[in-house]
């Protein structure tokens, strides 16, 4: 669903049972590519600049890499490759490539006061945006983000990105495709 500001996951399309296998293949492929990329990066990092570079690679770099995978001309289809045709499929690849560990992502949100219930409530509120015109959606999305995620700027600083869309879409991905992570009780 387009909101003028950025595209967000369309709940109805993500819940299409005929596409679930494709979505799981995309998640598997994105996770695999990220793992391969991290191993390659770490091996080069360790051999060249281990003592000089102390910070992690910024999220914006991984977003750029994910877009390169999506836009690459696949003349020979690599193992695990799934053609990404729709906006939902492309966003799913990007969010999984950038944030492959859902538990860790939810843990980071929790550090900044965003609880699982808030993510669930936000995802339910987003479903209702489809009834509005595009300009109204943009305004309502802004209001919803401020209401549900007052610490969103802290999360963006934590991840080193100014890309609000990737964080919001990861929250929606978890809420729509992995709701069990949001319903699970935390051990105390």
Protein backbone atom coordinates (compact mmCIF):
# COMPACT_ATOMS: atom_id res chain seq x y z
CA UNK A 1 0.00 0.00 0.00
CA UNK A 2 1.44 3.36 -1.02
CA UNK A 3 1.27 6.21 1.48
CA UNK A 4 3.26 8.84 -0.48
CA UNK A 5 5.91 8.76 2.22
CA UNK A 6 6.85 5.11 1.61
CA UNK A 7 5.24 1.84 0.64
CA UNK A 8 4.05 -0.39 3.45
CA UNK A 9 3.11 -4.07 3.44
CA UNK A 10 -0.37 -4.88 2.24
CA UNK A 11 -1.93 -7.22 4.82
CA UNK A 12 -4.38 -8.85 2.42
CA UNK A 13 -1.65 -9.75 -0.06
CA UNK A 14 0.66 -11.08 2.66
CA UNK A 15 -2.15 -13.31 3.93
CA UNK A 16 -2.80 -14.83 0.49
CA UNK A 17 -2.42 -18.57 1.14
CA UNK A 18 -1.32 -19.27 -2.42
CA UNK A 19 1.73 -16.99 -1.92
CA UNK A 20 2.86 -18.26 1.51
CA UNK A 21 5.35 -20.74 0.05
CA UNK A 22 6.84 -17.98 -2.10
CA UNK A 23 7.16 -15.67 0.92
CA UNK A 24 8.94 -18.35 2.92
CA UNK A 25 11.31 -18.97 0.01
CA UNK A 26 12.04 -15.23 -0.17
CA UNK A 27 12.76 -15.13 3.57
CA UNK A 28 15.04 -18.17 3.28
CA UNK A 29 16.86 -16.70 0.28
CA UNK A 30 17.34 -13.28 1.90
CA UNK A 31 18.64 -14.84 5.12
CA UNK A 32 21.02 -17.04 3.16
CA UNK A 33 22.35 -14.11 1.11
CA UNK A 34 22.82 -12.01 4.25
CA UNK A 35 24.74 -14.83 5.97
CA UNK A 36 27.00 -15.30 2.94
CA UNK A 37 27.55 -11.58 2.68
CA UNK A 38 28.36 -11.23 6.39
CA UNK A 39 30.88 -14.10 6.23
CA UNK A 40 32.56 -12.52 3.22
CA UNK A 41 32.59 -9.06 4.82
CA UNK A 42 33.95 -10.34 8.11
CA UNK A 43 36.72 -12.33 6.45
CA UNK A 44 37.83 -9.26 4.48
CA UNK A 45 37.41 -7.07 7.53
CA UNK A 46 39.53 -9.41 9.64
CA UNK A 47 42.36 -9.54 7.13
CA UNK A 48 42.52 -5.86 6.23
CA UNK A 49 41.34 -3.53 8.97
CA UNK A 50 40.51 -5.46 12.11
CA UNK A 51 42.18 -3.00 14.41
CA UNK A 52 41.04 0.17 12.62
CA UNK A 53 37.30 -0.29 12.15
CA UNK A 54 35.33 -0.58 15.40
CA UNK A 55 31.74 0.15 14.34
CA UNK A 56 29.23 -2.06 12.57
CA UNK A 57 28.30 -1.55 8.95
CA UNK A 58 25.30 0.84 8.84
CA UNK A 59 21.83 -0.40 7.92
CA UNK A 60 21.75 1.93 4.90
CA UNK A 61 24.60 -0.11 3.40
CA UNK A 62 22.56 -3.33 3.73
CA UNK A 63 19.50 -1.62 2.27
CA UNK A 64 21.62 -0.64 -0.73
CA UNK A 65 22.95 -4.21 -1.06
CA UNK A 66 19.41 -5.65 -0.85
CA UNK A 67 18.29 -3.30 -3.63
CA UNK A 68 21.24 -4.47 -5.73
CA UNK A 69 20.08 -8.09 -5.32
CA UNK A 70 16.57 -7.11 -6.35
CA UNK A 71 17.71 -5.13 -9.39
CA UNK A 72 20.38 -7.58 -10.51
CA UNK A 73 19.92 -9.08 -13.95
CA UNK A 74 19.59 -12.80 -13.18
CA UNK A 75 20.76 -14.44 -16.41
CA UNK A 76 21.66 -17.62 -14.59
CA UNK A 77 19.36 -18.27 -11.69
CA UNK A 78 21.33 -18.79 -8.47
CA UNK A 79 20.28 -21.51 -6.06
CA UNK A 80 17.45 -20.33 -3.86
CA UNK A 81 16.62 -17.35 -6.06
CA UNK A 82 12.93 -16.43 -6.20
CA UNK A 83 11.87 -13.86 -8.82
CA UNK A 84 10.61 -10.79 -6.96
CA UNK A 85 7.65 -9.45 -8.89
CA UNK A 86 5.48 -7.48 -6.46
CA UNK A 87 6.22 -4.62 -4.09
CA UNK A 88 5.40 -6.88 -1.12
CA UNK A 89 7.93 -9.48 -2.28
CA UNK A 90 10.64 -6.87 -2.75
CA UNK A 91 9.95 -5.28 0.63
CA UNK A 92 9.97 -8.71 2.27
CA UNK A 93 13.40 -9.43 0.77
CA UNK A 94 14.76 -6.07 1.93
CA UNK A 95 13.40 -6.27 5.49
CA UNK A 96 14.66 -9.85 5.90
CA UNK A 97 18.06 -9.04 4.39
CA UNK A 98 18.52 -5.98 6.61
CA UNK A 99 17.06 -7.53 9.79
CA UNK A 100 17.41 -11.33 9.47
CA UNK A 101 16.86 -12.04 13.18
CA UNK A 102 13.29 -11.21 14.21
CA UNK A 103 13.93 -11.95 17.89
CA UNK A 104 16.88 -9.56 17.99
CA UNK A 105 14.85 -6.87 16.23
CA UNK A 106 12.00 -7.23 18.75
CA UNK A 107 14.53 -7.13 21.58
CA UNK A 108 15.93 -3.85 20.22
CA UNK A 109 12.44 -2.37 20.07
CA UNK A 110 11.80 -3.47 23.62
CA UNK A 111 14.97 -1.68 24.77
CA UNK A 112 13.38 1.57 23.62
CA UNK A 113 10.03 0.96 25.28
CA UNK A 114 8.15 -0.51 22.34
CA UNK A 115 6.38 -3.60 23.58
CA UNK A 116 4.96 -6.47 21.55
CA UNK A 117 1.38 -5.38 22.22
CA UNK A 118 2.08 -1.97 20.72
CA UNK A 119 3.39 -3.60 17.52
CA UNK A 120 0.26 -5.75 17.28
CA UNK A 121 -2.03 -2.78 17.86
CA UNK A 122 -0.13 -0.72 15.28
CA UNK A 123 -0.45 -3.48 12.68
CA UNK A 124 -4.21 -3.66 13.30
CA UNK A 125 -4.53 0.12 12.92
CA UNK A 126 -2.54 0.04 9.65
CA UNK A 127 -5.03 -2.41 8.10
CA UNK A 128 -7.69 0.31 8.26
CA UNK A 129 -5.63 2.79 6.23
CA UNK A 130 -6.61 1.13 2.98
CA UNK A 131 -10.05 2.72 3.17
CA UNK A 132 -8.59 6.23 2.87
CA UNK A 133 -7.26 8.21 -0.06
CA UNK A 134 -3.51 8.37 -0.53
CA UNK A 135 -3.05 11.88 0.93
CA UNK A 136 -5.13 10.98 3.97
CA UNK A 137 -3.11 7.77 4.41
CA UNK A 138 0.11 9.76 4.65
CA UNK A 139 -1.31 12.00 7.36
CA UNK A 140 -2.87 9.11 9.28
CA UNK A 141 0.35 7.07 9.05
CA UNK A 142 2.28 9.96 10.57
CA UNK A 143 -0.23 10.21 13.40
CA UNK A 144 -0.18 6.45 14.01
CA UNK A 145 3.62 6.35 14.07
CA UNK A 146 3.76 9.20 16.59
CA UNK A 147 1.05 7.61 18.72
CA UNK A 148 2.42 4.07 18.79
CA UNK A 149 6.16 4.72 18.48
CA UNK A 150 7.14 7.93 20.28
CA UNK A 151 10.73 6.62 20.48
CA UNK A 152 11.04 5.86 16.77
CA UNK A 153 13.84 8.40 16.38
CA UNK A 154 15.86 6.57 19.05
CA UNK A 155 15.40 3.31 17.18
CA UNK A 156 16.56 4.93 13.95
CA UNK A 157 19.65 6.24 15.77
CA UNK A 158 20.23 2.79 17.26
CA UNK A 159 20.27 1.24 13.80
CA UNK A 160 22.10 4.16 12.19
CA UNK A 161 19.49 4.90 9.57
CA UNK A 162 17.06 7.63 8.69
CA UNK A 163 14.88 5.15 6.80
CA UNK A 164 11.63 4.99 8.76
CA UNK A 165 10.02 2.74 6.15
CA UNK A 166 12.36 -0.19 6.71
CA UNK A 167 11.69 -0.20 10.47
CA UNK A 168 7.92 0.16 10.10
CA UNK A 169 7.83 -2.55 7.43
CA UNK A 170 9.86 -4.93 9.61
CA UNK A 171 7.37 -4.42 12.43
CA UNK A 172 4.51 -5.11 10.00
CA UNK A 173 6.30 -8.15 8.55
CA UNK A 174 6.62 -9.66 12.01
CA UNK A 175 3.01 -8.81 12.88
CA UNK A 176 1.61 -10.22 9.64
CA UNK A 177 3.87 -13.22 8.94
CA UNK A 178 5.19 -14.12 12.40
CA UNK A 179 2.47 -13.08 14.86
CA UNK A 180 3.54 -15.85 17.23
CA UNK A 181 6.56 -13.69 18.12
CA UNK A 182 4.24 -10.94 19.31
CA UNK A 183 1.86 -13.22 21.18
CA UNK A 184 4.55 -15.11 23.08
CA UNK A 185 4.92 -14.23 26.75
CA UNK A 186 8.38 -13.13 27.84
CA UNK A 187 10.12 -15.25 30.46
CA UNK A 188 10.88 -13.42 33.64
